[in-house]
Amino acid sequence: MRKKGETMTNENDATGKKREEQHVREVNWLPIGSVVMLEAATRPIMIAGTMVQDTTTGRYWDYMGYPYPEGRVDPKQDYFFDTETIRTVVQLGFADQDGLSFQRFLQSNMEKYEHKRNEATL
């Protein structure tokens, strides 16, 4: 099982060969807009939210996203997933100063998030 910040295999490069790249990030969350392939997925997912709660089940998830490239087509169908289910990062999302500040906010709230997440599974 992969942990946050661990090396992820990128899609094929221009020569068709697999390559590995360490994504150097200030913190361990992928930015909004990142496109990922999940373990059992056949299509990429674009990240639209982090530390999110599924209001139907009450469960907390690391990420929420929508199919790429069409995005949200059904308001009742959100894709929830955790970091360890990400197989590859296809494209890293946009990160400016505001995005980096938000990343720091997420990181500083990890303990609260994990606590809420554990409460929701009891």
PDB file of N, CA and C in Angstrom:
ATOM      1  N   MET A   1       0.827  -1.171   0.000  1.00  0.00           N
ATOM      2  CA  MET A   1       0.000   0.000   0.000  1.00  0.00           C
ATOM      3  C   MET A   1       0.878   1.244   0.000  1.00  0.00           C
ATOM      4  N   ARG A   2       0.594   2.190  -0.880  1.00  0.00           N
ATOM      5  CA  ARG A   2       1.401   3.398  -0.984  1.00  0.00           C
ATOM      6  C   ARG A   2       0.964   4.407   0.071  1.00  0.00           C
ATOM      7  N   LYS A   3       1.906   5.162   0.582  1.00  0.00           N
ATOM      8  CA  LYS A   3       1.622   6.198   1.569  1.00  0.00           C
ATOM      9  C   LYS A   3       1.785   7.559   0.929  1.00  0.00           C
ATOM     10  N   LYS A   4       1.219   8.572   1.557  1.00  0.00           N
ATOM     11  CA  LYS A   4       1.342   9.936   1.048  1.00  0.00           C
ATOM     12  C   LYS A   4       2.802  10.314   0.890  1.00  0.00           C
ATOM     13  N   GLY A   5       3.135  10.967  -0.220  1.00  0.00           N
ATOM     14  CA  GLY A   5       4.491  11.426  -0.467  1.00  0.00           C
ATOM     15  C   GLY A   5       5.399  10.381  -1.080  1.00  0.00           C
ATOM     16  N   GLU A   6       4.931   9.144  -1.220  1.00  0.00           N
ATOM     17  CA  GLU A   6       5.755   8.078  -1.777  1.00  0.00           C
ATOM     18  C   GLU A   6       5.805   8.208  -3.304  1.00  0.00           C
ATOM     19  N   THR A   7       6.814   7.634  -3.912  1.00  0.00           N
ATOM     20  CA  THR A   7       6.970   7.686  -5.357  1.00  0.00           C
ATOM     21  C   THR A   7       5.777   7.015  -6.038  1.00  0.00           C
ATOM     22  N   MET A   8       5.274   7.657  -7.089  1.00  0.00           N
ATOM     23  CA  MET A   8       4.178   7.098  -7.875  1.00  0.00           C
ATOM     24  C   MET A   8       4.658   6.951  -9.301  1.00  0.00           C
ATOM     25  N   THR A   9       4.187   5.937  -9.990  1.00  0.00           N
ATOM     26  CA  THR A   9       4.568   5.727 -11.373  1.00  0.00           C
ATOM     27  C   THR A   9       3.723   6.623 -12.261  1.00  0.00           C
ATOM     28  N   ASN A  10       4.372   7.402 -13.100  1.00  0.00           N
ATOM     29  CA  ASN A  10       3.656   8.252 -14.046  1.00  0.00           C
ATOM     30  C   ASN A  10       3.266   7.438 -15.269  1.00  0.00           C
ATOM     31  N   GLU A  11       2.405   8.015 -16.080  1.00  0.00           N
ATOM     32  CA  GLU A  11       2.025   7.391 -17.344  1.00  0.00           C
ATOM     33  C   GLU A  11       3.260   7.278 -18.234  1.00  0.00           C
ATOM     34  N   ASN A  12       3.128   6.618 -19.357  1.00  0.00           N
ATOM     35  CA  ASN A  12       4.253   6.467 -20.282  1.00  0.00           C
ATOM     36  C   ASN A  12       4.792   7.827 -20.712  1.00  0.00           C
ATOM     37  N   ASP A  13       6.115   7.908 -20.870  1.00  0.00           N
ATOM     38  CA  ASP A  13       6.706   9.143 -21.377  1.00  0.00           C
ATOM     39  C   ASP A  13       6.659   9.123 -22.899  1.00  0.00           C
ATOM     40  N   ALA A  14       7.279  10.106 -23.535  1.00  0.00           N
ATOM     41  CA  ALA A  14       7.219  10.247 -24.994  1.00  0.00           C
ATOM     42  C   ALA A  14       7.789   9.032 -25.719  1.00  0.00           C
ATOM     43  N   THR A  15       8.679   8.284 -25.096  1.00  0.00           N
ATOM     44  CA  THR A  15       9.262   7.113 -25.756  1.00  0.00           C
ATOM     45  C   THR A  15       8.434   5.858 -25.526  1.00  0.00           C
ATOM     46  N   GLY A  16       7.351   5.982 -24.738  1.00  0.00           N
ATOM     47  CA  GLY A  16       6.514   4.823 -24.464  1.00  0.00           C
ATOM     48  C   GLY A  16       6.983   4.012 -23.270  1.00  0.00           C
ATOM     49  N   LYS A  17       8.041   4.468 -22.598  1.00  0.00           N
ATOM     50  CA  LYS A  17       8.564   3.743 -21.440  1.00  0.00           C
ATOM     51  C   LYS A  17       7.953   4.280 -20.158  1.00  0.00           C
ATOM     52  N   LYS A  18       7.750   3.381 -19.202  1.00  0.00           N
ATOM     53  CA  LYS A  18       7.282   3.808 -17.892  1.00  0.00           C
ATOM     54  C   LYS A  18       8.418   4.534 -17.199  1.00  0.00           C
ATOM     55  N   ARG A  19       8.081   5.555 -16.453  1.00  0.00           N
ATOM     56  CA  ARG A  19       9.098   6.262 -15.691  1.00  0.00           C
ATOM     57  C   ARG A  19       8.546   6.562 -14.312  1.00  0.00           C
ATOM     58  N   GLU A  20       9.419   6.631 -13.354  1.00  0.00           N
ATOM     59  CA  GLU A  20       9.017   6.982 -12.005  1.00  0.00           C
ATOM     60  C   GLU A  20       9.571   8.346 -11.676  1.00  0.00           C
ATOM     61  N   GLU A  21       8.775   9.094 -10.972  1.00  0.00           N
ATOM     62  CA  GLU A  21       9.170  10.450 -10.630  1.00  0.00           C
ATOM     63  C   GLU A  21       8.659  10.754  -9.232  1.00  0.00           C
ATOM     64  N   GLN A  22       9.516  11.261  -8.388  1.00  0.00           N
ATOM     65  CA  GLN A  22       9.091  11.678  -7.054  1.00  0.00           C
ATOM     66  C   GLN A  22       8.458  13.054  -7.188  1.00  0.00           C
ATOM     67  N   HIS A  23       7.217  13.163  -6.838  1.00  0.00           N
ATOM     68  CA  HIS A  23       6.557  14.459  -6.880  1.00  0.00           C
ATOM     69  C   HIS A  23       6.954  15.220  -5.634  1.00  0.00           C
ATOM     70  N   VAL A  24       7.761  16.246  -5.836  1.00  0.00           N
ATOM     71  CA  VAL A  24       8.227  17.042  -4.716  1.00  0.00           C
ATOM     72  C   VAL A  24       7.143  18.067  -4.423  1.00  0.00           C
ATOM     73  N   ARG A  25       6.560  17.929  -3.270  1.00  0.00           N
ATOM     74  CA  ARG A  25       5.504  18.837  -2.865  1.00  0.00           C
ATOM     75  C   ARG A  25       5.818  19.365  -1.487  1.00  0.00           C
ATOM     76  N   GLU A  26       5.319  20.542  -1.207  1.00  0.00           N
ATOM     77  CA  GLU A  26       5.520  21.143   0.107  1.00  0.00           C
ATOM     78  C   GLU A  26       4.819  20.313   1.178  1.00  0.00           C
ATOM     79  N   VAL A  27       3.659  19.755   0.854  1.00  0.00           N
ATOM     80  CA  VAL A  27       2.923  18.888   1.768  1.00  0.00           C
ATOM     81  C   VAL A  27       2.451  17.676   0.995  1.00  0.00           C
ATOM     82  N   ASN A  28       1.710  16.815   1.653  1.00  0.00           N
ATOM     83  CA  ASN A  28       1.403  15.514   1.083  1.00  0.00           C
ATOM     84  C   ASN A  28       0.022  15.384   0.441  1.00  0.00           C
ATOM     85  N   TRP A  29      -0.568  16.433  -0.012  1.00  0.00           N
ATOM     86  CA  TRP A  29      -1.870  16.370  -0.676  1.00  0.00           C
ATOM     87  C   TRP A  29      -1.713  16.791  -2.133  1.00  0.00           C
ATOM     88  N   LEU A  30      -2.396  16.096  -3.017  1.00  0.00           N
ATOM     89  CA  LEU A  30      -2.395  16.503  -4.425  1.00  0.00           C
ATOM     90  C   LEU A  30      -3.291  17.730  -4.578  1.00  0.00           C
ATOM     91  N   PRO A  31      -2.881  18.701  -5.384  1.00  0.00           N
ATOM     92  CA  PRO A  31      -3.698  19.900  -5.563  1.00  0.00           C
ATOM     93  C   PRO A  31      -4.975  19.624  -6.350  1.00  0.00           C
ATOM     94  N   ILE A  32      -5.960  20.470  -6.114  1.00  0.00           N
ATOM     95  CA  ILE A  32      -7.203  20.422  -6.891  1.00  0.00           C
ATOM     96  C   ILE A  32      -6.836  20.517  -8.371  1.00  0.00           C
ATOM     97  N   GLY A  33      -7.529  19.758  -9.193  1.00  0.00           N
ATOM     98  CA  GLY A  33      -7.247  19.757 -10.622  1.00  0.00           C
ATOM     99  C   GLY A  33      -6.290  18.659 -11.053  1.00  0.00           C
ATOM    100  N   SER A  34      -5.649  17.995 -10.082  1.00  0.00           N
ATOM    101  CA  SER A  34      -4.775  16.874 -10.441  1.00  0.00           C
ATOM    102  C   SER A  34      -5.613  15.769 -11.059  1.00  0.00           C
ATOM    103  N   VAL A  35      -5.040  15.089 -12.038  1.00  0.00           N
ATOM    104  CA  VAL A  35      -5.723  13.980 -12.708  1.00  0.00           C
ATOM    105  C   VAL A  35      -4.990  12.703 -12.330  1.00  0.00           C
ATOM    106  N   VAL A  36      -5.738  11.713 -11.843  1.00  0.00           N
ATOM    107  CA  VAL A  36      -5.153  10.465 -11.357  1.00  0.00           C
ATOM    108  C   VAL A  36      -5.854   9.258 -11.966  1.00  0.00           C
ATOM    109  N   MET A  37      -5.139   8.147 -11.980  1.00  0.00           N
ATOM    110  CA  MET A  37      -5.742   6.845 -12.300  1.00  0.00           C
ATOM    111  C   MET A  37      -5.810   6.080 -10.989  1.00  0.00           C
ATOM    112  N   LEU A  38      -6.966   5.527 -10.703  1.00  0.00           N
ATOM    113  CA  LEU A  38      -7.147   4.732  -9.496  1.00  0.00           C
ATOM    114  C   LEU A  38      -6.857   3.270  -9.788  1.00  0.00           C
ATOM    115  N   GLU A  39      -6.602   2.494  -8.744  1.00  0.00           N
ATOM    116  CA  GLU A  39      -6.208   1.090  -8.887  1.00  0.00           C
ATOM    117  C   GLU A  39      -7.096   0.302  -9.844  1.00  0.00           C
ATOM    118  N   ALA A  40      -8.401   0.339  -9.663  1.00  0.00           N
ATOM    119  CA  ALA A  40      -9.287  -0.489 -10.472  1.00  0.00           C
ATOM    120  C   ALA A  40     -10.005   0.294 -11.573  1.00  0.00           C
ATOM    121  N   ALA A  41      -9.513   1.494 -11.865  1.00  0.00           N
ATOM    122  CA  ALA A  41     -10.209   2.367 -12.819  1.00  0.00           C
ATOM    123  C   ALA A  41      -9.767   2.124 -14.251  1.00  0.00           C
ATOM    124  N   THR A  42     -10.664   2.421 -15.171  1.00  0.00           N
ATOM    125  CA  THR A  42     -10.346   2.374 -16.594  1.00  0.00           C
ATOM    126  C   THR A  42     -10.261   3.781 -17.181  1.00  0.00           C
ATOM    127  N   ARG A  43     -10.670   4.776 -16.386  1.00  0.00           N
ATOM    128  CA  ARG A  43     -10.663   6.170 -16.831  1.00  0.00           C
ATOM    129  C   ARG A  43     -10.028   7.050 -15.762  1.00  0.00           C
ATOM    130  N   PRO A  44      -9.410   8.153 -16.163  1.00  0.00           N
ATOM    131  CA  PRO A  44      -8.825   9.064 -15.179  1.00  0.00           C
ATOM    132  C   PRO A  44      -9.901   9.843 -14.416  1.00  0.00           C
ATOM    133  N   ILE A  45      -9.511  10.277 -13.216  1.00  0.00           N
ATOM    134  CA  ILE A  45     -10.379  11.079 -12.356  1.00  0.00           C
ATOM    135  C   ILE A  45      -9.650  12.384 -12.043  1.00  0.00           C
ATOM    136  N   MET A  46     -10.379  13.517 -12.137  1.00  0.00           N
ATOM    137  CA  MET A  46      -9.810  14.809 -11.770  1.00  0.00           C
ATOM    138  C   MET A  46     -10.235  15.138 -10.339  1.00  0.00           C
ATOM    139  N   ILE A  47      -9.263  15.461  -9.500  1.00  0.00           N
ATOM    140  CA  ILE A  47      -9.540  15.771  -8.100  1.00  0.00           C
ATOM    141  C   ILE A  47     -10.248  17.115  -7.998  1.00  0.00           C
ATOM    142  N   ALA A  48     -11.386  17.103  -7.276  1.00  0.00           N
ATOM    143  CA  ALA A  48     -12.180  18.315  -7.101  1.00  0.00           C
ATOM    144  C   ALA A  48     -12.311  18.709  -5.637  1.00  0.00           C
ATOM    145  N   GLY A  49     -11.873  17.855  -4.714  1.00  0.00           N
ATOM    146  CA  GLY A  49     -11.975  18.173  -3.294  1.00  0.00           C
ATOM    147  C   GLY A  49     -11.058  17.299  -2.465  1.00  0.00           C
ATOM    148  N   THR A  50     -10.708  17.794  -1.268  1.00  0.00           N
ATOM    149  CA  THR A  50      -9.855  17.052  -0.351  1.00  0.00           C
ATOM    150  C   THR A  50     -10.483  17.041   1.031  1.00  0.00           C
ATOM    151  N   MET A  51     -10.175  15.983   1.807  1.00  0.00           N
ATOM    152  CA  MET A  51     -10.729  15.808   3.155  1.00  0.00           C
ATOM    153  C   MET A  51     -12.243  15.987   3.111  1.00  0.00           C
ATOM    154  N   VAL A  52     -12.901  15.190   2.323  1.00  0.00           N
ATOM    155  CA  VAL A  52     -14.331  15.371   2.072  1.00  0.00           C
ATOM    156  C   VAL A  52     -15.160  14.277   2.736  1.00  0.00           C
ATOM    157  N   GLN A  53     -16.396  14.631   3.051  1.00  0.00           N
ATOM    158  CA  GLN A  53     -17.319  13.677   3.641  1.00  0.00           C
ATOM    159  C   GLN A  53     -18.399  13.338   2.638  1.00  0.00           C
ATOM    160  N   ASP A  54     -18.637  12.052   2.454  1.00  0.00           N
ATOM    161  CA  ASP A  54     -19.733  11.565   1.626  1.00  0.00           C
ATOM    162  C   ASP A  54     -21.005  11.756   2.456  1.00  0.00           C
ATOM    163  N   THR A  55     -21.871  12.667   2.045  1.00  0.00           N
ATOM    164  CA  THR A  55     -23.065  12.959   2.836  1.00  0.00           C
ATOM    165  C   THR A  55     -24.073  11.819   2.825  1.00  0.00           C
ATOM    166  N   THR A  56     -23.947  10.898   1.889  1.00  0.00           N
ATOM    167  CA  THR A  56     -24.840   9.744   1.853  1.00  0.00           C
ATOM    168  C   THR A  56     -24.467   8.725   2.924  1.00  0.00           C
ATOM    169  N   THR A  57     -23.159   8.435   3.051  1.00  0.00           N
ATOM    170  CA  THR A  57     -22.714   7.407   3.994  1.00  0.00           C
ATOM    171  C   THR A  57     -22.130   7.983   5.280  1.00  0.00           C
ATOM    172  N   GLY A  58     -21.728   9.257   5.250  1.00  0.00           N
ATOM    173  CA  GLY A  58     -21.091   9.869   6.404  1.00  0.00           C
ATOM    174  C   GLY A  58     -19.598   9.609   6.487  1.00  0.00           C
ATOM    175  N   ARG A  59     -19.074   8.799   5.580  1.00  0.00           N
ATOM    176  CA  ARG A  59     -17.655   8.446   5.600  1.00  0.00           C
ATOM    177  C   ARG A  59     -16.803   9.602   5.076  1.00  0.00           C
ATOM    178  N   TYR A  60     -15.615   9.763   5.681  1.00  0.00           N
ATOM    179  CA  TYR A  60     -14.645  10.752   5.226  1.00  0.00           C
ATOM    180  C   TYR A  60     -13.654  10.094   4.271  1.00  0.00           C
ATOM    181  N   TRP A  61     -13.299  10.823   3.229  1.00  0.00           N
ATOM    182  CA  TRP A  61     -12.374  10.344   2.205  1.00  0.00           C
ATOM    183  C   TRP A  61     -11.275  11.376   2.008  1.00  0.00           C
ATOM    184  N   ASP A  62     -10.117  10.922   1.542  1.00  0.00           N
ATOM    185  CA  ASP A  62      -9.027  11.856   1.246  1.00  0.00           C
ATOM    186  C   ASP A  62      -9.394  12.783   0.089  1.00  0.00           C
ATOM    187  N   TYR A  63     -10.050  12.228  -0.927  1.00  0.00           N
ATOM    188  CA  TYR A  63     -10.329  13.001  -2.138  1.00  0.00           C
ATOM    189  C   TYR A  63     -11.731  12.720  -2.686  1.00  0.00           C
ATOM    190  N   MET A  64     -12.215  13.688  -3.464  1.00  0.00           N
ATOM    191  CA  MET A  64     -13.421  13.534  -4.259  1.00  0.00           C
ATOM    192  C   MET A  64     -13.072  14.021  -5.656  1.00  0.00           C
ATOM    193  N   GLY A  65     -13.626  13.378  -6.671  1.00  0.00           N
ATOM    194  CA  GLY A  65     -13.319  13.810  -8.025  1.00  0.00           C
ATOM    195  C   GLY A  65     -14.401  13.435  -9.010  1.00  0.00           C
ATOM    196  N   TYR A  66     -14.100  13.757 -10.258  1.00  0.00           N
ATOM    197  CA  TYR A  66     -15.022  13.508 -11.368  1.00  0.00           C
ATOM    198  C   TYR A  66     -14.249  12.950 -12.547  1.00  0.00           C
ATOM    199  N   PRO A  67     -14.949  12.221 -13.429  1.00  0.00           N
ATOM    200  CA  PRO A  67     -14.270  11.639 -14.593  1.00  0.00           C
ATOM    201  C   PRO A  67     -13.649  12.724 -15.466  1.00  0.00           C
ATOM    202  N   TYR A  68     -12.467  12.422 -15.961  1.00  0.00           N
ATOM    203  CA  TYR A  68     -11.784  13.328 -16.877  1.00  0.00           C
ATOM    204  C   TYR A  68     -11.947  12.768 -18.288  1.00  0.00           C
ATOM    205  N   PRO A  69     -12.301  13.557 -19.275  1.00  0.00           N
ATOM    206  CA  PRO A  69     -12.295  15.014 -19.328  1.00  0.00           C
ATOM    207  C   PRO A  69     -13.646  15.678 -19.114  1.00  0.00           C
ATOM    208  N   GLU A  70     -14.746  14.928 -19.029  1.00  0.00           N
ATOM    209  CA  GLU A  70     -16.061  15.575 -19.034  1.00  0.00           C
ATOM    210  C   GLU A  70     -16.457  16.222 -17.721  1.00  0.00           C
ATOM    211  N   GLY A  71     -15.880  15.804 -16.606  1.00  0.00           N
ATOM    212  CA  GLY A  71     -16.206  16.426 -15.328  1.00  0.00           C
ATOM    213  C   GLY A  71     -17.522  15.932 -14.759  1.00  0.00           C
ATOM    214  N   ARG A  72     -18.150  16.768 -13.991  1.00  0.00           N
ATOM    215  CA  ARG A  72     -19.379  16.395 -13.285  1.00  0.00           C
ATOM    216  C   ARG A  72     -20.548  16.395 -14.257  1.00  0.00           C
ATOM    217  N   VAL A  73     -21.086  15.219 -14.522  1.00  0.00           N
ATOM    218  CA  VAL A  73     -22.228  15.107 -15.426  1.00  0.00           C
ATOM    219  C   VAL A  73     -23.499  14.731 -14.688  1.00  0.00           C
ATOM    220  N   ASP A  74     -23.352  14.162 -13.501  1.00  0.00           N
ATOM    221  CA  ASP A  74     -24.504  13.764 -12.697  1.00  0.00           C
ATOM    222  C   ASP A  74     -24.300  14.280 -11.281  1.00  0.00           C
ATOM    223  N   PRO A  75     -25.133  15.230 -10.824  1.00  0.00           N
ATOM    224  CA  PRO A  75     -24.933  15.809  -9.500  1.00  0.00           C
ATOM    225  C   PRO A  75     -25.047  14.794  -8.355  1.00  0.00           C
ATOM    226  N   LYS A  76     -25.564  13.612  -8.643  1.00  0.00           N
ATOM    227  CA  LYS A  76     -25.695  12.584  -7.607  1.00  0.00           C
ATOM    228  C   LYS A  76     -24.545  11.586  -7.631  1.00  0.00           C
ATOM    229  N   GLN A  77     -23.581  11.797  -8.518  1.00  0.00           N
ATOM    230  CA  GLN A  77     -22.474  10.848  -8.654  1.00  0.00           C
ATOM    231  C   GLN A  77     -21.129  11.523  -8.438  1.00  0.00           C
ATOM    232  N   ASP A  78     -20.678  11.477  -7.196  1.00  0.00           N
ATOM    233  CA  ASP A  78     -19.344  11.951  -6.846  1.00  0.00           C
ATOM    234  C   ASP A  78     -18.464  10.723  -6.667  1.00  0.00           C
ATOM    235  N   TYR A  79     -17.199  10.832  -7.026  1.00  0.00           N
ATOM    236  CA  TYR A  79     -16.243   9.738  -6.858  1.00  0.00           C
ATOM    237  C   TYR A  79     -15.384  10.037  -5.644  1.00  0.00           C
ATOM    238  N   PHE A  80     -15.478   9.199  -4.624  1.00  0.00           N
ATOM    239  CA  PHE A  80     -14.692   9.363  -3.404  1.00  0.00           C
ATOM    240  C   PHE A  80     -13.595   8.315  -3.385  1.00  0.00           C
ATOM    241  N   PHE A  81     -12.382   8.724  -2.952  1.00  0.00           N
ATOM    242  CA  PHE A  81     -11.284   7.760  -2.895  1.00  0.00           C
ATOM    243  C   PHE A  81     -10.208   8.235  -1.927  1.00  0.00           C
ATOM    244  N   ASP A  82      -9.369   7.298  -1.514  1.00  0.00           N
ATOM    245  CA  ASP A  82      -8.265   7.573  -0.600  1.00  0.00           C
ATOM    246  C   ASP A  82      -6.937   7.498  -1.338  1.00  0.00           C
ATOM    247  N   THR A  83      -5.930   8.078  -0.742  1.00  0.00           N
ATOM    248  CA  THR A  83      -4.601   8.168  -1.347  1.00  0.00           C
ATOM    249  C   THR A  83      -4.074   6.809  -1.785  1.00  0.00           C
ATOM    250  N   GLU A  84      -4.251   5.795  -0.946  1.00  0.00           N
ATOM    251  CA  GLU A  84      -3.664   4.492  -1.266  1.00  0.00           C
ATOM    252  C   GLU A  84      -4.291   3.822  -2.483  1.00  0.00           C
ATOM    253  N   THR A  85      -5.412   4.326  -2.980  1.00  0.00           N
ATOM    254  CA  THR A  85      -6.013   3.751  -4.182  1.00  0.00           C
ATOM    255  C   THR A  85      -5.532   4.430  -5.465  1.00  0.00           C
ATOM    256  N   ILE A  86      -4.692   5.462  -5.336  1.00  0.00           N
ATOM    257  CA  ILE A  86      -4.153   6.150  -6.514  1.00  0.00           C
ATOM    258  C   ILE A  86      -3.014   5.315  -7.089  1.00  0.00           C
ATOM    259  N   ARG A  87      -3.208   4.873  -8.332  1.00  0.00           N
ATOM    260  CA  ARG A  87      -2.177   4.086  -9.015  1.00  0.00           C
ATOM    261  C   ARG A  87      -1.135   4.987  -9.656  1.00  0.00           C
ATOM    262  N   THR A  88      -1.583   6.021 -10.363  1.00  0.00           N
ATOM    263  CA  THR A  88      -0.668   6.941 -11.027  1.00  0.00           C
ATOM    264  C   THR A  88      -1.215   8.362 -10.981  1.00  0.00           C
ATOM    265  N   VAL A  89      -0.298   9.299 -11.025  1.00  0.00           N
ATOM    266  CA  VAL A  89      -0.658  10.709 -11.182  1.00  0.00           C
ATOM    267  C   VAL A  89      -0.419  11.031 -12.650  1.00  0.00           C
ATOM    268  N   VAL A  90      -1.494  11.316 -13.365  1.00  0.00           N
ATOM    269  CA  VAL A  90      -1.401  11.619 -14.789  1.00  0.00           C
ATOM    270  C   VAL A  90      -0.953  13.068 -14.992  1.00  0.00           C
ATOM    271  N   GLN A  91      -1.524  13.967 -14.198  1.00  0.00           N
ATOM    272  CA  GLN A  91      -1.199  15.387 -14.299  1.00  0.00           C
ATOM    273  C   GLN A  91      -1.351  16.017 -12.921  1.00  0.00           C
ATOM    274  N   LEU A  92      -0.330  16.724 -12.485  1.00  0.00           N
ATOM    275  CA  LEU A  92      -0.393  17.430 -11.225  1.00  0.00           C
ATOM    276  C   LEU A  92      -1.183  18.713 -11.422  1.00  0.00           C
ATOM    277  N   GLY A  93      -2.094  19.014 -10.499  1.00  0.00           N
ATOM    278  CA  GLY A  93      -2.945  20.192 -10.611  1.00  0.00           C
ATOM    279  C   GLY A  93      -2.211  21.500 -10.383  1.00  0.00           C
ATOM    280  N   PHE A  94      -2.923  22.568 -10.591  1.00  0.00           N
ATOM    281  CA  PHE A  94      -2.386  23.924 -10.469  1.00  0.00           C
ATOM    282  C   PHE A  94      -2.089  24.241  -9.007  1.00  0.00           C
ATOM    283  N   ALA A  95      -0.939  24.848  -8.747  1.00  0.00           N
ATOM    284  CA  ALA A  95      -0.580  25.239  -7.384  1.00  0.00           C
ATOM    285  C   ALA A  95       0.095  26.606  -7.403  1.00  0.00           C
ATOM    286  N   ASP A  96      -0.635  27.621  -6.940  1.00  0.00           N
ATOM    287  CA  ASP A  96      -0.047  28.946  -6.779  1.00  0.00           C
ATOM    288  C   ASP A  96       0.102  29.207  -5.276  1.00  0.00           C
ATOM    289  N   GLN A  97       0.327  30.434  -4.893  1.00  0.00           N
ATOM    290  CA  GLN A  97       0.524  30.746  -3.477  1.00  0.00           C
ATOM    291  C   GLN A  97      -0.713  30.399  -2.649  1.00  0.00           C
ATOM    292  N   ASP A  98      -1.905  30.699  -3.185  1.00  0.00           N
ATOM    293  CA  ASP A  98      -3.138  30.351  -2.472  1.00  0.00           C
ATOM    294  C   ASP A  98      -3.259  28.836  -2.306  1.00  0.00           C
ATOM    295  N   GLY A  99      -2.925  28.112  -3.362  1.00  0.00           N
ATOM    296  CA  GLY A  99      -2.979  26.654  -3.302  1.00  0.00           C
ATOM    297  C   GLY A  99      -2.005  26.093  -2.284  1.00  0.00           C
ATOM    298  N   LEU A 100      -0.808  26.659  -2.220  1.00  0.00           N
ATOM    299  CA  LEU A 100       0.171  26.208  -1.233  1.00  0.00           C
ATOM    300  C   LEU A 100      -0.277  26.532   0.182  1.00  0.00           C
ATOM    301  N   SER A 101      -0.927  27.679   0.363  1.00  0.00           N
ATOM    302  CA  SER A 101      -1.468  28.023   1.685  1.00  0.00           C
ATOM    303  C   SER A 101      -2.547  27.018   2.078  1.00  0.00           C
ATOM    304  N   PHE A 102      -3.383  26.642   1.130  1.00  0.00           N
ATOM    305  CA  PHE A 102      -4.422  25.655   1.406  1.00  0.00           C
ATOM    306  C   PHE A 102      -3.799  24.296   1.731  1.00  0.00           C
ATOM    307  N   GLN A 103      -2.739  23.934   1.036  1.00  0.00           N
ATOM    308  CA  GLN A 103      -2.038  22.688   1.327  1.00  0.00           C
ATOM    309  C   GLN A 103      -1.524  22.689   2.768  1.00  0.00           C
ATOM    310  N   ARG A 104      -0.960  23.805   3.199  1.00  0.00           N
ATOM    311  CA  ARG A 104      -0.484  23.912   4.588  1.00  0.00           C
ATOM    312  C   ARG A 104      -1.651  23.786   5.567  1.00  0.00           C
ATOM    313  N   PHE A 105      -2.794  24.394   5.223  1.00  0.00           N
ATOM    314  CA  PHE A 105      -3.996  24.279   6.050  1.00  0.00           C
ATOM    315  C   PHE A 105      -4.415  22.815   6.180  1.00  0.00           C
ATOM    316  N   LEU A 106      -4.447  22.103   5.056  1.00  0.00           N
ATOM    317  CA  LEU A 106      -4.806  20.681   5.099  1.00  0.00           C
ATOM    318  C   LEU A 106      -3.859  19.911   6.008  1.00  0.00           C
ATOM    319  N   GLN A 107      -2.572  20.151   5.827  1.00  0.00           N
ATOM    320  CA  GLN A 107      -1.577  19.438   6.613  1.00  0.00           C
ATOM    321  C   GLN A 107      -1.734  19.737   8.102  1.00  0.00           C
ATOM    322  N   SER A 108      -2.004  20.988   8.441  1.00  0.00           N
ATOM    323  CA  SER A 108      -2.139  21.362   9.853  1.00  0.00           C
ATOM    324  C   SER A 108      -3.407  20.791  10.475  1.00  0.00           C
ATOM    325  N   ASN A 109      -4.354  20.357   9.663  1.00  0.00           N
ATOM    326  CA  ASN A 109      -5.601  19.798  10.169  1.00  0.00           C
ATOM    327  C   ASN A 109      -5.683  18.283  10.031  1.00  0.00           C
ATOM    328  N   MET A 110      -4.563  17.649   9.732  1.00  0.00           N
ATOM    329  CA  MET A 110      -4.542  16.185   9.564  1.00  0.00           C
ATOM    330  C   MET A 110      -5.061  15.455  10.803  1.00  0.00           C
ATOM    331  N   GLU A 111      -4.642  15.882  11.982  1.00  0.00           N
ATOM    332  CA  GLU A 111      -5.050  15.192  13.202  1.00  0.00           C
ATOM    333  C   GLU A 111      -6.562  15.258  13.388  1.00  0.00           C
ATOM    334  N   LYS A 112      -7.153  16.436  13.183  1.00  0.00           N
ATOM    335  CA  LYS A 112      -8.611  16.590  13.287  1.00  0.00           C
ATOM    336  C   LYS A 112      -9.319  15.727  12.237  1.00  0.00           C
ATOM    337  N   TYR A 113      -8.776  15.750  11.024  1.00  0.00           N
ATOM    338  CA  TYR A 113      -9.359  14.961   9.939  1.00  0.00           C
ATOM    339  C   TYR A 113      -9.349  13.472  10.273  1.00  0.00           C
ATOM    340  N   GLU A 114      -8.206  12.971  10.719  1.00  0.00           N
ATOM    341  CA  GLU A 114      -8.102  11.552  11.066  1.00  0.00           C
ATOM    342  C   GLU A 114      -9.045  11.207  12.210  1.00  0.00           C
ATOM    343  N   HIS A 115      -9.189  12.098  13.172  1.00  0.00           N
ATOM    344  CA  HIS A 115     -10.103  11.867  14.299  1.00  0.00           C
ATOM    345  C   HIS A 115     -11.545  11.763  13.801  1.00  0.00           C
ATOM    346  N   LYS A 116     -11.980  12.733  12.985  1.00  0.00           N
ATOM    347  CA  LYS A 116     -13.339  12.710  12.426  1.00  0.00           C
ATOM    348  C   LYS A 116     -13.548  11.466  11.569  1.00  0.00           C
ATOM    349  N   ARG A 117     -12.539  11.134  10.799  1.00  0.00           N
ATOM    350  CA  ARG A 117     -12.633   9.973   9.919  1.00  0.00           C
ATOM    351  C   ARG A 117     -12.815   8.692  10.730  1.00  0.00           C
ATOM    352  N   ASN A 118     -12.064   8.561  11.814  1.00  0.00           N
ATOM    353  CA  ASN A 118     -12.187   7.386  12.673  1.00  0.00           C
ATOM    354  C   ASN A 118     -13.530   7.357  13.393  1.00  0.00           C
ATOM    355  N   GLU A 119     -14.032   8.519  13.823  1.00  0.00           N
ATOM    356  CA  GLU A 119     -15.356   8.575  14.467  1.00  0.00           C
ATOM    357  C   GLU A 119     -16.449   8.127  13.514  1.00  0.00           C
ATOM    358  N   ALA A 120     -16.341   8.521  12.253  1.00  0.00           N
ATOM    359  CA  ALA A 120     -17.374   8.203  11.260  1.00  0.00           C
ATOM    360  C   ALA A 120     -17.425   6.708  10.946  1.00  0.00           C
ATOM    361  N   THR A 121     -16.352   5.994  11.186  1.00  0.00           N
ATOM    362  CA  THR A 121     -16.340   4.562  10.863  1.00  0.00           C
ATOM    363  C   THR A 121     -16.772   3.690  12.039  1.00  0.00           C
ATOM    364  N   LEU A 122     -16.981   4.306  13.214  1.00  0.00           N
ATOM    365  CA  LEU A 122     -17.400   3.534  14.392  1.00  0.00           C
ATOM    366  C   LEU A 122     -18.853   3.171  14.343  1.00  0.00           C
TER     367      LEU A 122
END
